[in-house]
Protein backbone atom coordinates (compact mmCIF):
# COMPACT_ATOMS: atom_id res chain seq x y z
CA MET A 1 -9.28 -13.35 -35.36
CA ASP A 2 -8.96 -17.21 -34.30
CA TYR A 3 -9.82 -17.73 -30.66
CA GLU A 4 -9.06 -20.99 -28.75
CA PHE A 5 -11.90 -21.77 -25.86
CA VAL A 6 -9.53 -23.51 -23.01
CA PRO A 7 -11.64 -25.02 -20.01
CA MET A 8 -10.97 -22.55 -16.89
CA LYS A 9 -7.69 -24.01 -15.14
CA ILE A 10 -6.24 -22.15 -11.90
CA LYS A 11 -3.55 -20.53 -13.86
CA GLU A 12 -6.12 -18.95 -15.92
CA ALA A 13 -8.11 -17.97 -13.11
CA ARG A 14 -5.32 -16.19 -11.35
CA ILE A 15 -4.36 -14.17 -14.34
CA ILE A 16 -7.90 -13.14 -15.09
CA ASP A 17 -8.22 -12.28 -11.39
CA GLU A 18 -5.57 -9.74 -11.82
CA TRP A 19 -7.39 -7.54 -14.53
CA LYS A 20 -8.29 -4.13 -13.66
CA TYR A 21 -10.98 -2.01 -15.61
CA LYS A 22 -11.74 1.63 -15.67
CA GLY A 23 -15.41 2.70 -15.59
CA VAL A 24 -18.37 0.58 -14.16
CA VAL A 25 -16.80 -2.68 -14.24
CA LYS A 26 -13.75 -2.67 -11.65
CA GLU A 27 -13.27 -6.43 -11.44
CA ILE A 28 -14.43 -9.91 -12.38
CA TYR A 29 -15.85 -12.28 -9.72
CA MET A 30 -13.31 -14.92 -9.73
CA ASP A 31 -13.56 -16.42 -6.02
CA PRO A 32 -16.07 -19.11 -6.94
CA TYR A 33 -13.35 -20.33 -9.20
CA PHE A 34 -10.71 -20.42 -6.71
CA GLU A 35 -13.16 -22.04 -4.19
CA SER A 36 -13.75 -24.81 -6.59
CA PHE A 37 -10.27 -25.23 -6.84
CA GLU A 38 -9.73 -25.36 -3.10
CA GLU A 39 -12.55 -28.13 -2.83
CA GLY A 40 -10.47 -30.17 -5.18
CA ASP A 41 -12.56 -30.24 -8.20
CA ILE A 42 -10.59 -31.28 -11.24
CA VAL A 43 -12.78 -29.07 -13.55
CA ILE A 44 -13.02 -25.82 -11.46
CA THR A 45 -16.53 -24.00 -11.76
CA GLY A 46 -17.17 -20.45 -11.53
CA PRO A 47 -20.27 -18.37 -10.22
CA GLY A 48 -23.41 -20.32 -10.07
CA GLY A 49 -21.46 -23.50 -10.99
CA CYS A 50 -20.99 -22.13 -14.39
CA GLU A 51 -18.37 -23.42 -17.07
CA GLY A 52 -15.72 -20.99 -17.88
CA PHE A 53 -13.25 -20.75 -20.80
CA ALA A 54 -9.94 -18.78 -21.08
CA ILE A 55 -10.16 -17.54 -24.57
CA TYR A 56 -6.74 -17.43 -25.99
CA HIS A 57 -5.44 -15.54 -29.18
CA ASN A 58 -2.07 -16.05 -29.92
CA ASN A 59 -1.16 -17.41 -26.67
CA GLU A 60 -2.28 -14.74 -24.69
CA ILE A 61 -5.65 -14.60 -22.69
CA ILE A 62 -7.95 -12.17 -24.54
CA GLY A 63 -11.14 -12.90 -22.51
CA LEU A 64 -13.36 -15.02 -20.46
CA PHE A 65 -16.77 -16.89 -21.19
CA GLU A 66 -19.02 -18.49 -18.77
CA TYR A 67 -21.77 -20.91 -19.95
CA TYR A 68 -24.99 -21.69 -17.63
CA THR A 69 -27.73 -23.75 -18.46
CA PRO A 70 -30.44 -23.02 -15.79
CA ASP A 71 -33.86 -24.34 -16.83
CA ASN A 72 -32.10 -25.90 -20.01
CA ILE A 73 -31.60 -22.31 -21.60
CA LEU A 74 -28.04 -21.03 -22.03
CA GLU A 75 -26.91 -18.15 -20.23
CA ILE A 76 -23.50 -16.47 -20.92
CA GLY A 77 -21.27 -14.14 -18.98
CA LEU A 78 -18.16 -12.53 -20.59
CA ALA A 79 -15.35 -10.40 -20.29
CA LEU A 80 -12.51 -9.00 -22.50
CA ASN A 81 -9.11 -8.49 -21.46
CA PRO A 82 -8.91 -4.90 -20.27
CA GLU A 83 -5.79 -4.37 -22.46
CA TYR A 84 -8.34 -4.89 -25.55
CA VAL A 85 -11.31 -2.71 -24.53
CA GLY A 86 -11.96 -0.09 -27.05
CA GLU A 87 -9.88 -1.76 -29.54
CA LYS A 88 -13.16 -2.56 -31.54
CA LEU A 89 -12.84 -6.41 -30.89
CA GLY A 90 -15.95 -6.76 -28.72
CA LEU A 91 -18.63 -7.81 -31.41
CA GLU A 92 -16.18 -10.20 -33.05
CA PHE A 93 -15.40 -11.68 -29.52
CA LEU A 94 -18.98 -11.78 -28.37
CA LEU A 95 -20.30 -13.66 -31.88
CA ALA A 96 -17.35 -16.03 -31.39
CA GLY A 97 -18.40 -17.05 -27.90
CA LEU A 98 -22.01 -17.34 -29.00
CA GLU A 99 -21.13 -19.72 -31.95
CA PHE A 100 -18.85 -21.74 -29.34
CA GLY A 101 -21.61 -21.82 -26.92
CA ILE A 102 -23.83 -23.40 -29.41
CA LYS A 103 -21.44 -25.79 -31.06
CA ASN A 104 -20.15 -27.01 -27.61
CA TYR A 105 -23.40 -27.52 -26.04
CA ASN A 106 -25.26 -28.71 -28.86
CA TYR A 107 -27.53 -25.95 -28.25
CA ASN A 108 -30.68 -25.63 -30.14
CA LYS A 109 -33.17 -23.91 -28.09
CA GLU A 110 -35.00 -20.43 -29.11
CA PHE A 111 -32.74 -17.97 -27.43
CA ILE A 112 -29.45 -17.17 -25.42
CA LYS A 113 -29.58 -14.78 -22.35
CA LEU A 114 -27.26 -12.66 -20.63
CA ASN A 115 -27.56 -10.14 -17.47
CA VAL A 116 -25.66 -6.85 -17.46
CA ASP A 117 -25.32 -3.78 -15.22
CA LYS A 118 -27.62 -0.85 -16.48
CA LYS A 119 -24.58 1.40 -15.88
CA ASN A 120 -22.24 -0.67 -18.71
CA ILE A 121 -23.54 1.52 -21.47
CA PRO A 122 -20.75 0.15 -23.70
CA ALA A 123 -21.46 -3.24 -23.11
CA VAL A 124 -25.26 -2.80 -23.34
CA SER A 125 -24.81 -1.08 -26.92
CA LEU A 126 -22.59 -3.99 -28.07
CA TYR A 127 -25.37 -6.54 -27.01
CA LYS A 128 -27.69 -4.52 -28.81
CA LYS A 129 -25.66 -4.41 -32.12
CA ALA A 130 -24.92 -7.95 -31.82
CA GLY A 131 -29.03 -8.35 -31.77
CA PHE A 132 -29.79 -8.85 -27.97
CA GLU A 133 -32.84 -7.36 -26.84
CA ILE A 134 -33.75 -6.43 -23.25
CA TYR A 135 -36.58 -8.51 -21.60
CA ASN A 136 -36.70 -7.63 -18.19
CA LYS A 137 -35.31 -4.31 -16.32
CA ASN A 138 -34.21 -4.88 -12.78
CA GLU A 139 -33.13 -2.34 -10.19
CA GLU A 140 -29.49 -2.53 -11.32
CA THR A 141 -29.30 -4.89 -14.53
CA PHE A 142 -31.07 -5.83 -17.88
CA ASP A 143 -31.84 -9.20 -18.72
CA MET A 144 -31.33 -9.46 -22.64
CA LYS A 145 -31.85 -12.35 -24.94
CA ILE A 146 -30.90 -13.03 -28.77
CA ASP A 147 -32.75 -15.50 -30.64
CA THR A 148 -30.48 -18.57 -31.71
CA LYS A 149 -31.34 -18.39 -35.35
CA ASP A 150 -29.97 -14.74 -35.40
CA ILE A 151 -26.44 -15.90 -34.48
CA PRO A 152 -24.13 -16.48 -37.32
CA ILE A 153 -22.48 -19.95 -37.25
CA LYS A 154 -19.61 -20.89 -39.57
CA GLU A 155 -19.60 -24.37 -40.84
C-alpha cells in the first residue's frame, strides 16, 4: 500500500479526534494538537511536543504517526484508523512509519522506542512481530524498542 505522510494540521486533528475504538484503546489523545493550534502555532504539535503526521492512502486518513526525539533517540506513537483495525494492515503500516521516521529524521542511532499499554495485547503482539522487544515493564505499560538495523528500508 502507498502511504502519504502529511504534517498534522487542524483539519486532520479534528478527523482523528472523532475516531472511536472498541477494546482497550477508547480514543487518541489529541488535545495537545488543539492547544498548539489555539496558541497560533503554524505547525501544530502533539503530546510532548511531538511531530504528528496524518497518514493518507487514496485520499483517506488511514492512520497517525507521531515522532519524538528525547535524548536524540527516536520514539514513536501510532494509531490506525479504527475502520482498518483487524484488516491485517498493522505490520505494513508500522514498517512504513518506521521507514519514514528513519528517512525523514535522517536517523542513524541504534534503536527506536515506543510505549504501549500492557492490556493492548494486539498492539504488543504486532510490535513483537515487527521485531520490537520489551526492555522495561511499568505498572500499566511496556517500553519496547527495535534495532534500527532490523527495519527494512526501501531505496
